Protein backbone atom coordinates (compact mmCIF):
# COMPACT_ATOMS: atom_id res chain seq x y z
CA UNK A 1 0.27 0.05 0.02
CA UNK A 2 1.29 3.65 -0.65
CA UNK A 3 2.18 5.86 1.84
CA UNK A 4 0.47 9.37 1.64
CA UNK A 5 2.92 12.35 0.79
CA UNK A 6 1.26 13.58 4.15
CA UNK A 7 2.90 10.45 6.08
CA UNK A 8 6.05 11.51 5.48
CA UNK A 9 8.04 14.03 8.04
CA UNK A 10 8.34 17.55 6.72
CA UNK A 11 9.23 21.01 8.66
CA UNK A 12 5.67 22.08 9.10
CA UNK A 13 4.80 18.26 10.87
CA UNK A 14 7.26 17.98 13.45
CA UNK A 15 6.79 22.09 14.02
CA UNK A 16 3.62 21.33 14.42
CA UNK A 17 4.34 18.22 16.28
CA UNK A 18 6.82 20.66 18.84
CA UNK A 19 4.51 22.70 19.47
CA UNK A 20 1.54 20.48 20.41
CA UNK A 21 4.67 19.07 22.64
CA UNK A 22 4.78 22.76 24.30
CA UNK A 23 1.36 23.07 24.72
CA UNK A 24 0.78 19.58 26.28
CA UNK A 25 3.99 20.54 28.85
CA UNK A 26 2.48 23.92 29.46
CA UNK A 27 -1.21 22.54 30.40
CA UNK A 28 0.66 19.59 32.70
CA UNK A 29 2.51 22.49 34.38
CA UNK A 30 -1.32 24.17 34.93
CA UNK A 31 -2.56 20.97 36.34
CA UNK A 32 0.06 20.79 38.60
CA UNK A 33 -0.36 24.20 40.04
CA UNK A 34 -3.92 24.31 40.59
CA UNK A 35 -3.42 20.71 42.41
CA UNK A 36 -0.94 22.52 44.23
CA UNK A 37 -3.37 25.34 45.60
CA UNK A 38 -6.07 23.34 45.88
CA UNK A 39 -4.07 20.90 48.67
CA UNK A 40 -3.34 24.74 50.49
CA UNK A 41 -6.57 25.47 50.17
CA UNK A 42 -7.72 22.32 51.49
CA UNK A 43 -4.91 21.98 54.66
CA UNK A 44 -6.09 25.52 55.90
CA UNK A 45 -9.38 24.46 56.01
CA UNK A 46 -8.65 22.19 57.98
CA UNK A 47 -5.94 24.19 59.81
CA UNK A 48 -3.35 22.08 58.97
CA UNK A 49 -0.10 23.83 58.39
CA UNK A 50 1.84 23.67 55.09
CA UNK A 51 5.57 22.48 54.49
CA UNK A 52 6.59 23.78 51.36
CA UNK A 53 9.75 21.65 49.70
CA UNK A 54 12.03 23.68 47.65
CA UNK A 55 11.98 22.14 44.37
CA UNK A 56 14.41 24.06 42.13
CA UNK A 57 16.10 27.65 42.64
CA UNK A 58 13.82 29.43 44.40
CA UNK A 59 10.60 27.50 43.05
CA UNK A 60 8.47 26.28 46.38
CA UNK A 61 5.90 23.51 46.83
CA UNK A 62 3.60 21.74 48.62
CA UNK A 63 3.73 18.58 46.54
CA UNK A 64 6.37 17.08 45.81
CA UNK A 65 8.90 17.09 42.67
CA UNK A 66 8.31 13.31 41.84
CA UNK A 67 4.37 14.88 40.62
CA UNK A 68 5.61 17.61 39.08
CA UNK A 69 7.62 15.82 36.81
CA UNK A 70 5.08 13.20 36.49
CA UNK A 71 2.28 15.92 35.08
CA UNK A 72 4.98 17.37 33.05
CA UNK A 73 5.83 14.44 31.12
CA UNK A 74 2.12 12.91 31.06
CA UNK A 75 1.33 16.60 29.63
CA UNK A 76 4.20 16.31 26.76
CA UNK A 77 3.03 12.86 25.90
CA UNK A 78 -0.79 14.19 25.71
CA UNK A 79 0.74 16.90 23.70
CA UNK A 80 2.28 14.40 21.01
CA UNK A 81 -0.75 12.23 20.34
CA UNK A 82 -2.92 15.21 20.30
CA UNK A 83 -0.74 16.59 17.55
CA UNK A 84 -0.49 13.56 15.98
CA UNK A 85 -3.94 13.47 15.77
CA UNK A 86 -4.87 16.31 14.78
CA UNK A 87 -2.41 16.66 12.10
CA UNK A 88 -4.36 13.38 11.22
CA UNK A 89 -7.82 15.22 11.06
CA UNK A 90 -6.59 18.64 9.71
CA UNK A 91 -4.15 17.68 6.75
CA UNK A 92 -4.64 14.30 6.21
CA UNK A 93 -8.56 13.86 6.60
CA UNK A 94 -9.37 17.67 5.64
CA UNK A 95 -11.65 18.00 8.17
CA UNK A 96 -11.75 21.93 8.65
CA UNK A 97 -15.24 22.02 10.29
CA UNK A 98 -17.36 22.36 7.11
CA UNK A 99 -20.27 21.04 8.68
CA UNK A 100 -20.25 24.20 10.95
CA UNK A 101 -19.84 26.85 8.22
CA UNK A 102 -22.91 25.18 6.06
CA UNK A 103 -24.83 25.79 9.20
CA UNK A 104 -23.83 29.37 9.83
CA UNK A 105 -24.62 29.90 5.82
CA UNK A 106 -28.16 28.39 6.15
CA UNK A 107 -28.60 30.82 9.04
CA UNK A 108 -27.80 33.57 7.00
CA UNK A 109 -29.63 32.60 3.84
CA UNK A 110 -32.90 32.46 6.11
């Protein structure tokens, strides 16, 4: 079975995947920080003292560094697979939300 020409690695696909991985990493960092805030809020509600541990230089967190790396790695792996699936949807299958555009045109015409 012949390969499609979009199956090859191109500069566009590599950039798309790298940006998806960076997005996943940022979302993992946001999830980690939201979890840290939740832990602090629940601890303060129960009148439990929160101990911050130093992770990287001036960065302090009530959670351990293992949680940080787990969230970052899961975000990066998820971003990679999200980038692959969206590459297939947008550039291979050419699904550009055509159904939504048809609905908008019908609404405008009536």
